[in-house]
Amino acid sequence: MPSRCTGPQWAEAVARLEERVPISREVHVTYQRRPLPSDTAGHAELLDDTGRFAIAVSSSLSYSETVDVLIHELAHVLDWSPVHGYTQDHGPTWGIHYAYVYRRFHGVE
């Protein structure tokens, strides 16, 4: 079993995400790494209708799992629209956002 993501690895992953994946000025994201129920790797939560989000990632995950969850949840955030609201669907636009975040994070152009 891979070892858990360390604090420095977490900080590096979040910094890389923030540096490489620009988001709209209307969207504000905070990242948390904390214990979550065993059946939950992470989630994105819309905090209010102004575009403030919190992404939580389970502290029990390995580094690569943590990166996967960060990418997945940020795709949900980018799929939000003040006009259309927020859903946790994995529809076509979410898939486009996921691919965008994945490619930016990993430097694949």
C-alpha atoms as a PDB file:
ATOM      1  CA  MET A   1       0.000   0.000   0.000  1.00  0.00           C
ATOM      2  CA  PRO A   2       1.400   3.425  -0.916  1.00  0.00           C
ATOM      3  CA  SER A   3       2.279   5.734   1.940  1.00  0.00           C
ATOM      4  CA  ARG A   4       0.061   8.654   2.829  1.00  0.00           C
ATOM      5  CA  CYS A   5       0.597  12.027   1.238  1.00  0.00           C
ATOM      6  CA  THR A   6       2.870  14.113   3.448  1.00  0.00           C
ATOM      7  CA  GLY A   7       2.330  17.729   4.438  1.00  0.00           C
ATOM      8  CA  PRO A   8       5.047  18.989   2.068  1.00  0.00           C
ATOM      9  CA  GLN A   9       3.621  16.888  -0.784  1.00  0.00           C
ATOM     10  CA  TRP A  10       0.155  18.328  -0.098  1.00  0.00           C
ATOM     11  CA  ALA A  11       1.513  21.878  -0.132  1.00  0.00           C
ATOM     12  CA  GLU A  12       3.352  21.202  -3.398  1.00  0.00           C
ATOM     13  CA  ALA A  13       0.260  19.712  -5.073  1.00  0.00           C
ATOM     14  CA  VAL A  14      -1.977  22.630  -4.070  1.00  0.00           C
ATOM     15  CA  ALA A  15       0.672  25.173  -5.112  1.00  0.00           C
ATOM     16  CA  ARG A  16       1.073  23.486  -8.504  1.00  0.00           C
ATOM     17  CA  LEU A  17      -2.702  23.420  -8.980  1.00  0.00           C
ATOM     18  CA  GLU A  18      -3.040  27.104  -8.116  1.00  0.00           C
ATOM     19  CA  GLU A  19      -0.086  28.042 -10.330  1.00  0.00           C
ATOM     20  CA  ARG A  20      -0.973  25.982 -13.382  1.00  0.00           C
ATOM     21  CA  VAL A  21      -4.769  26.093 -13.419  1.00  0.00           C
ATOM     22  CA  PRO A  22      -6.065  29.661 -13.635  1.00  0.00           C
ATOM     23  CA  ILE A  23      -9.645  30.132 -12.501  1.00  0.00           C
ATOM     24  CA  SER A  24     -12.100  32.975 -12.867  1.00  0.00           C
ATOM     25  CA  ARG A  25     -11.858  35.901 -10.481  1.00  0.00           C
ATOM     26  CA  GLU A  26     -15.453  35.198  -9.505  1.00  0.00           C
ATOM     27  CA  VAL A  27     -14.445  31.826  -8.044  1.00  0.00           C
ATOM     28  CA  HIS A  28     -12.583  31.459  -4.759  1.00  0.00           C
ATOM     29  CA  VAL A  29     -11.334  28.056  -3.652  1.00  0.00           C
ATOM     30  CA  THR A  30      -9.881  26.919  -0.352  1.00  0.00           C
ATOM     31  CA  TYR A  31      -8.225  23.526  -0.016  1.00  0.00           C
ATOM     32  CA  GLN A  32      -8.401  21.318   3.065  1.00  0.00           C
ATOM     33  CA  ARG A  33      -6.744  18.009   3.814  1.00  0.00           C
ATOM     34  CA  ARG A  34      -8.490  16.265   6.682  1.00  0.00           C
ATOM     35  CA  PRO A  35      -9.981  12.998   7.859  1.00  0.00           C
ATOM     36  CA  LEU A  36     -13.105  12.083   5.881  1.00  0.00           C
ATOM     37  CA  PRO A  37     -15.395   9.048   6.098  1.00  0.00           C
ATOM     38  CA  SER A  38     -13.732   5.935   4.692  1.00  0.00           C
ATOM     39  CA  ASP A  39     -16.035   5.923   1.653  1.00  0.00           C
ATOM     40  CA  THR A  40     -15.174   9.531   0.735  1.00  0.00           C
ATOM     41  CA  ALA A  41     -11.924  10.477  -0.998  1.00  0.00           C
ATOM     42  CA  GLY A  42     -12.901  14.121  -1.313  1.00  0.00           C
ATOM     43  CA  HIS A  43     -15.574  16.595  -2.184  1.00  0.00           C
ATOM     44  CA  ALA A  44     -16.124  20.135  -3.383  1.00  0.00           C
ATOM     45  CA  GLU A  45     -18.680  22.245  -1.579  1.00  0.00           C
ATOM     46  CA  LEU A  46     -20.246  25.482  -2.760  1.00  0.00           C
ATOM     47  CA  LEU A  47     -20.212  27.687   0.346  1.00  0.00           C
ATOM     48  CA  ASP A  48     -22.473  30.438  -0.960  1.00  0.00           C
ATOM     49  CA  ASP A  49     -23.916  31.788  -4.189  1.00  0.00           C
ATOM     50  CA  THR A  50     -20.962  34.133  -4.750  1.00  0.00           C
ATOM     51  CA  GLY A  51     -18.629  31.381  -5.993  1.00  0.00           C
ATOM     52  CA  ARG A  52     -16.796  30.465  -2.788  1.00  0.00           C
ATOM     53  CA  PHE A  53     -15.855  26.786  -2.686  1.00  0.00           C
ATOM     54  CA  ALA A  54     -14.083  24.493  -0.259  1.00  0.00           C
ATOM     55  CA  ILE A  55     -12.365  21.382  -1.572  1.00  0.00           C
ATOM     56  CA  ALA A  56     -11.721  18.718   1.056  1.00  0.00           C
ATOM     57  CA  VAL A  57      -9.416  15.764   0.424  1.00  0.00           C
ATOM     58  CA  SER A  58      -9.025  12.760   2.698  1.00  0.00           C
ATOM     59  CA  SER A  59      -5.796  12.802   4.674  1.00  0.00           C
ATOM     60  CA  SER A  60      -5.569   9.009   4.353  1.00  0.00           C
ATOM     61  CA  LEU A  61      -4.741   9.070   0.635  1.00  0.00           C
ATOM     62  CA  SER A  62      -1.392   8.599  -1.073  1.00  0.00           C
ATOM     63  CA  TYR A  63       0.170  11.474  -3.007  1.00  0.00           C
ATOM     64  CA  SER A  64      -1.047  10.216  -6.394  1.00  0.00           C
ATOM     65  CA  GLU A  65      -4.561   9.617  -5.047  1.00  0.00           C
ATOM     66  CA  THR A  66      -4.533  13.103  -3.525  1.00  0.00           C
ATOM     67  CA  VAL A  67      -3.584  14.638  -6.874  1.00  0.00           C
ATOM     68  CA  ASP A  68      -6.336  12.669  -8.630  1.00  0.00           C
ATOM     69  CA  VAL A  69      -8.947  13.891  -6.134  1.00  0.00           C
ATOM     70  CA  LEU A  70      -7.757  17.505  -6.319  1.00  0.00           C
ATOM     71  CA  ILE A  71      -8.066  17.429 -10.118  1.00  0.00           C
ATOM     72  CA  HIS A  72     -11.476  15.745  -9.964  1.00  0.00           C
ATOM     73  CA  GLU A  73     -12.904  18.200  -7.433  1.00  0.00           C
ATOM     74  CA  LEU A  74     -11.496  21.303  -9.111  1.00  0.00           C
ATOM     75  CA  ALA A  75     -13.221  20.147 -12.316  1.00  0.00           C
ATOM     76  CA  HIS A  76     -16.502  20.258 -10.368  1.00  0.00           C
ATOM     77  CA  VAL A  77     -15.713  23.807  -9.257  1.00  0.00           C
ATOM     78  CA  LEU A  78     -14.939  24.907 -12.808  1.00  0.00           C
ATOM     79  CA  ASP A  79     -18.224  23.338 -13.932  1.00  0.00           C
ATOM     80  CA  TRP A  80     -20.129  25.779 -11.693  1.00  0.00           C
ATOM     81  CA  SER A  81     -21.928  28.720 -13.221  1.00  0.00           C
ATOM     82  CA  PRO A  82     -23.818  31.430 -11.347  1.00  0.00           C
ATOM     83  CA  VAL A  83     -26.493  31.138 -14.045  1.00  0.00           C
ATOM     84  CA  HIS A  84     -26.828  27.350 -14.083  1.00  0.00           C
ATOM     85  CA  GLY A  85     -25.933  26.645 -10.470  1.00  0.00           C
ATOM     86  CA  TYR A  86     -23.805  23.869  -9.042  1.00  0.00           C
ATOM     87  CA  THR A  87     -24.235  20.169  -9.495  1.00  0.00           C
ATOM     88  CA  GLN A  88     -21.950  17.261  -8.802  1.00  0.00           C
ATOM     89  CA  ASP A  89     -22.773  15.666 -12.145  1.00  0.00           C
ATOM     90  CA  HIS A  90     -20.087  13.985 -14.203  1.00  0.00           C
ATOM     91  CA  GLY A  91     -21.556  15.223 -17.466  1.00  0.00           C
ATOM     92  CA  PRO A  92     -19.889  16.386 -20.667  1.00  0.00           C
ATOM     93  CA  THR A  93     -18.876  19.835 -19.421  1.00  0.00           C
ATOM     94  CA  TRP A  94     -17.413  18.334 -16.235  1.00  0.00           C
ATOM     95  CA  GLY A  95     -15.395  15.966 -18.436  1.00  0.00           C
ATOM     96  CA  ILE A  96     -14.051  18.898 -20.455  1.00  0.00           C
ATOM     97  CA  HIS A  97     -13.053  20.675 -17.243  1.00  0.00           C
ATOM     98  CA  TYR A  98     -11.467  17.502 -15.858  1.00  0.00           C
ATOM     99  CA  ALA A  99      -9.344  17.092 -18.997  1.00  0.00           C
ATOM    100  CA  TYR A 100      -8.329  20.759 -18.843  1.00  0.00           C
ATOM    101  CA  VAL A 101      -7.283  20.594 -15.171  1.00  0.00           C
ATOM    102  CA  TYR A 102      -5.470  17.263 -15.667  1.00  0.00           C
ATOM    103  CA  ARG A 103      -3.489  18.530 -18.621  1.00  0.00           C
ATOM    104  CA  ARG A 104      -2.581  21.833 -16.925  1.00  0.00           C
ATOM    105  CA  PHE A 105      -1.564  20.170 -13.662  1.00  0.00           C
ATOM    106  CA  HIS A 106       0.666  17.625 -15.387  1.00  0.00           C
ATOM    107  CA  GLY A 107       2.049  20.074 -17.949  1.00  0.00           C
ATOM    108  CA  VAL A 108       0.606  18.249 -20.954  1.00  0.00           C
ATOM    109  CA  GLU A 109      -0.146  20.726 -23.717  1.00  0.00           C
END
